[in-house]
Amino acid sequence: MKRLVLHHEGSFLEWSETLAAPVTTGMSKSEIIEYLCGEGHVRPAVIKAIEQAAEHGVARIDHDKPSENPSFQEIIEANRAGGKKAHQDPRQIIEELFVKRESLF
């Protein structure tokens, strides 16, 4: 499953490109680093991805070219994060996952 790191106003989360939905809720920088390393990713690659996500809004952990990543807005707009894989209002995703750091469900 292709995974991305999304960043919005100091909050990071893991997003599944395959499912077009979040894998986690928002986390601090240190929390997402700990989480991704715990998932088996190599720390230097995680740090690089977090830095790219902070700069560009999105990054792949195993990908060095930020210009080839979809934009944060494209990802959020094309989501299937609602019940039964339905489209979820992007404003709700941002509010619930990044700001409140709560699950959509």
Protein backbone atom coordinates (compact mmCIF):
# COMPACT_ATOMS: atom_id res chain seq x y z
CA MET A 1 0.00 0.00 0.00
CA LYS A 2 1.44 3.38 -0.96
CA ARG A 3 1.74 5.65 2.06
CA LEU A 4 2.22 9.38 2.27
CA VAL A 5 2.94 11.79 5.08
CA LEU A 6 0.68 14.85 5.03
CA HIS A 7 1.38 18.07 6.92
CA HIS A 8 -0.98 20.89 7.85
CA GLU A 9 -0.19 23.67 10.31
CA GLY A 10 2.25 21.69 12.45
CA SER A 11 0.30 18.43 12.41
CA PHE A 12 1.39 15.31 10.49
CA LEU A 13 -0.49 12.14 9.55
CA GLU A 14 -0.01 9.02 7.48
CA TRP A 15 -2.27 8.75 4.42
CA SER A 16 -2.91 5.74 2.19
CA GLU A 17 -2.68 6.64 -1.48
CA THR A 18 -4.27 3.31 -2.34
CA LEU A 19 -7.31 3.84 -0.11
CA ALA A 20 -7.37 7.65 -0.56
CA ALA A 21 -7.91 7.89 3.18
CA PRO A 22 -6.01 8.57 6.39
CA VAL A 23 -4.22 5.80 8.23
CA THR A 24 -3.67 7.86 11.37
CA THR A 25 -4.94 11.06 12.94
CA GLY A 26 -2.72 14.12 13.28
CA MET A 27 0.47 13.88 15.31
CA SER A 28 3.30 16.13 16.35
CA LYS A 29 6.60 15.86 14.50
CA SER A 30 8.15 13.70 17.21
CA GLU A 31 5.07 11.45 17.38
CA ILE A 32 4.99 10.81 13.61
CA ILE A 33 8.73 10.06 13.57
CA GLU A 34 8.33 7.56 16.41
CA TYR A 35 5.26 6.02 14.77
CA LEU A 36 6.85 5.60 11.32
CA CYS A 37 10.08 4.20 12.76
CA GLY A 38 7.93 1.77 14.75
CA GLU A 39 6.29 0.72 11.49
CA GLY A 40 9.71 -0.39 10.23
CA HIS A 41 10.82 2.65 8.24
CA VAL A 42 14.46 3.70 8.47
CA ARG A 43 14.90 6.82 10.61
CA PRO A 44 16.91 8.89 8.04
CA ALA A 45 14.22 8.28 5.39
CA VAL A 46 11.50 9.21 7.90
CA ILE A 47 13.27 12.44 8.87
CA LYS A 48 13.72 13.37 5.20
CA ALA A 49 10.04 12.67 4.45
CA ILE A 50 8.91 14.72 7.46
CA GLU A 51 11.06 17.65 6.32
CA GLN A 52 9.64 17.40 2.78
CA ALA A 53 6.08 17.18 4.10
CA ALA A 54 6.64 20.24 6.30
CA GLU A 55 7.88 22.16 3.25
CA HIS A 56 5.52 20.83 0.55
CA GLY A 57 2.50 19.56 2.51
CA VAL A 58 3.04 15.96 1.36
CA ALA A 59 5.86 13.43 1.01
CA ARG A 60 6.44 9.76 0.36
CA ILE A 61 8.78 8.09 2.79
CA ASP A 62 10.59 6.16 0.06
CA HIS A 63 10.60 8.87 -2.59
CA ASP A 64 13.15 11.67 -3.05
CA LYS A 65 11.38 13.87 -5.60
CA PRO A 66 8.75 16.14 -3.99
CA SER A 67 7.83 17.53 -7.42
CA GLU A 68 6.42 14.11 -8.37
CA ASN A 69 4.10 13.93 -5.35
CA PRO A 70 0.48 15.02 -5.66
CA SER A 71 -0.29 18.25 -3.83
CA PHE A 72 -1.86 18.33 -0.40
CA GLN A 73 -5.01 19.85 -1.90
CA GLU A 74 -5.25 17.18 -4.63
CA ILE A 75 -5.00 14.42 -2.03
CA ILE A 76 -7.57 15.94 0.31
CA GLU A 77 -10.00 16.72 -2.53
CA ALA A 78 -9.80 13.18 -3.98
CA ASN A 79 -10.31 11.44 -0.65
CA ARG A 80 -12.50 8.40 0.08
CA ALA A 81 -12.32 8.88 3.84
CA GLY A 82 -16.06 8.77 4.56
CA GLY A 83 -18.20 5.80 5.46
CA LYS A 84 -18.33 3.09 2.77
CA LYS A 85 -15.39 4.81 1.05
CA ALA A 86 -17.48 7.88 0.26
CA HIS A 87 -15.96 11.28 -0.36
CA GLN A 88 -15.53 13.27 2.84
CA ASP A 89 -15.70 17.07 2.98
CA PRO A 90 -12.04 18.20 2.86
CA ARG A 91 -12.73 20.90 5.46
CA GLN A 92 -13.92 18.20 7.86
CA ILE A 93 -10.79 16.14 7.24
CA ILE A 94 -8.60 19.10 8.07
CA GLU A 95 -10.63 20.09 11.12
CA GLU A 96 -11.02 16.59 12.59
CA LEU A 97 -7.69 14.98 11.70
CA PHE A 98 -5.21 17.84 11.73
CA VAL A 99 -6.68 20.42 14.11
CA LYS A 100 -8.60 18.34 16.66
CA ARG A 101 -6.47 15.22 15.99
CA GLU A 102 -9.55 13.02 16.24
CA SER A 103 -10.75 10.14 14.09
CA LEU A 104 -13.39 10.72 11.42
CA PHE A 105 -15.32 7.70 12.70
